[in-house]
Amino acid sequence: MIGSIITGVVSIALGFYVGRLWAPTGSWALLIGIMCGGVCAVGYFGVTVLFGQLAPGTLDPKKIGYWFSLLIFAAPAIGAAGSFLGYRRSPEFPQD
């Protein structure tokens, strides 16, 4: 559970950072954020499986699968929100 919360925070932070720097439009910011969230979710799965292989018996596979199944949908949405907010905060965004 702690790892999935950390993954969500990293997803929104990475989306905010990348969206602020590289997104040319709002729709591109959303797409970039979705990719950032997906990369974070897959990274979470890879790290937990690696840790489970290196220290057998410490992690429950059902819990890893449960949190990964939640993250595979939640992390891209969180990353997209962070990226769009980062795009809105960029200096190149035309302010009203």
Protein backbone atom coordinates (compact mmCIF):
# COMPACT_ATOMS: atom_id res chain seq x y z
CA MET A 1 0.00 0.00 0.00
CA ILE A 2 2.81 2.41 0.84
CA GLY A 3 4.48 1.66 -2.49
CA SER A 4 1.31 2.40 -4.41
CA ILE A 5 0.88 5.73 -2.62
CA ILE A 6 4.47 6.62 -3.41
CA THR A 7 3.85 5.61 -7.02
CA GLY A 8 0.83 7.94 -7.19
CA VAL A 9 2.85 10.84 -5.79
CA VAL A 10 5.71 10.17 -8.23
CA SER A 11 3.19 9.94 -11.08
CA ILE A 12 1.67 13.35 -10.35
CA ALA A 13 5.10 14.92 -9.77
CA LEU A 14 6.55 13.48 -12.98
CA GLY A 15 3.46 14.52 -14.94
CA PHE A 16 3.64 18.04 -13.52
CA TYR A 17 7.35 18.36 -14.32
CA VAL A 18 7.15 16.94 -17.83
CA GLY A 19 3.92 18.76 -18.67
CA ARG A 20 5.39 22.06 -17.56
CA LEU A 21 8.49 21.66 -19.67
CA TRP A 22 7.51 19.78 -22.81
CA ALA A 23 3.78 19.98 -23.50
CA PRO A 24 2.97 22.27 -26.46
CA THR A 25 -0.83 22.12 -25.96
CA GLY A 26 -3.32 20.96 -23.34
CA SER A 27 -4.18 17.75 -25.18
CA TRP A 28 -0.51 16.85 -25.49
CA ALA A 29 -0.14 17.53 -21.78
CA LEU A 30 -2.87 14.97 -21.05
CA LEU A 31 -1.27 12.37 -23.31
CA ILE A 32 2.16 12.96 -21.79
CA GLY A 33 0.68 12.64 -18.30
CA ILE A 34 -1.03 9.37 -19.18
CA MET A 35 2.29 7.97 -20.37
CA CYS A 36 4.07 9.18 -17.22
CA GLY A 37 1.46 7.48 -15.04
CA GLY A 38 1.69 4.25 -17.03
CA VAL A 39 5.45 4.21 -16.73
CA CYS A 40 5.17 4.74 -12.96
CA ALA A 41 2.65 1.89 -12.62
CA VAL A 42 4.81 -0.52 -14.60
CA GLY A 43 7.84 0.62 -12.60
CA TYR A 44 5.97 -0.15 -9.37
CA PHE A 45 5.18 -3.64 -10.63
CA GLY A 46 8.77 -4.23 -11.69
CA VAL A 47 10.21 -3.08 -8.37
CA THR A 48 7.79 -5.16 -6.30
CA VAL A 49 8.42 -8.28 -8.38
CA LEU A 50 12.17 -7.73 -8.13
CA PHE A 51 11.93 -7.26 -4.38
CA GLY A 52 9.78 -10.39 -4.14
CA GLN A 53 12.43 -12.36 -6.01
CA LEU A 54 15.32 -11.01 -3.96
CA ALA A 55 13.60 -11.49 -0.58
CA PRO A 56 11.22 -14.46 -0.92
CA GLY A 57 8.29 -14.69 1.45
CA THR A 58 8.17 -10.98 2.29
CA LEU A 59 5.45 -9.86 -0.14
CA ASP A 60 2.02 -11.33 -0.79
CA PRO A 61 1.50 -11.82 -4.55
CA LYS A 62 -2.25 -11.20 -4.26
CA LYS A 63 -1.68 -7.78 -2.70
CA ILE A 64 0.87 -6.88 -5.38
CA GLY A 65 -1.65 -7.80 -8.08
CA TYR A 66 -4.45 -5.94 -6.33
CA TRP A 67 -2.51 -2.69 -5.96
CA PHE A 68 -1.10 -2.99 -9.47
CA SER A 69 -4.59 -3.46 -10.92
CA LEU A 70 -5.66 -0.26 -9.17
CA LEU A 71 -2.54 1.62 -10.23
CA ILE A 72 -2.78 0.61 -13.88
CA PHE A 73 -5.92 2.79 -14.08
CA ALA A 74 -5.33 5.38 -11.36
CA ALA A 75 -1.71 6.33 -12.08
CA PRO A 76 -2.34 7.46 -15.69
CA ALA A 77 -5.33 9.54 -14.55
CA ILE A 78 -3.29 11.12 -11.77
CA GLY A 79 -0.36 11.71 -14.13
CA ALA A 80 -2.66 13.33 -16.69
CA ALA A 81 -4.07 15.67 -14.06
CA GLY A 82 -0.58 16.60 -12.89
CA SER A 83 0.64 17.14 -16.42
CA PHE A 84 -2.30 19.37 -17.30
CA LEU A 85 -1.75 21.41 -14.14
CA GLY A 86 1.93 21.67 -15.02
CA TYR A 87 1.02 22.84 -18.52
CA ARG A 88 -1.25 25.50 -17.06
CA ARG A 89 1.58 26.72 -14.81
CA SER A 90 4.14 26.93 -17.61
CA PRO A 91 5.44 30.39 -18.53
CA GLU A 92 4.52 29.86 -22.20
CA PHE A 93 0.82 29.35 -21.39
CA PRO A 94 -1.19 32.38 -22.59
CA GLN A 95 -2.62 33.96 -19.46
CA ASP A 96 -5.97 35.77 -19.59
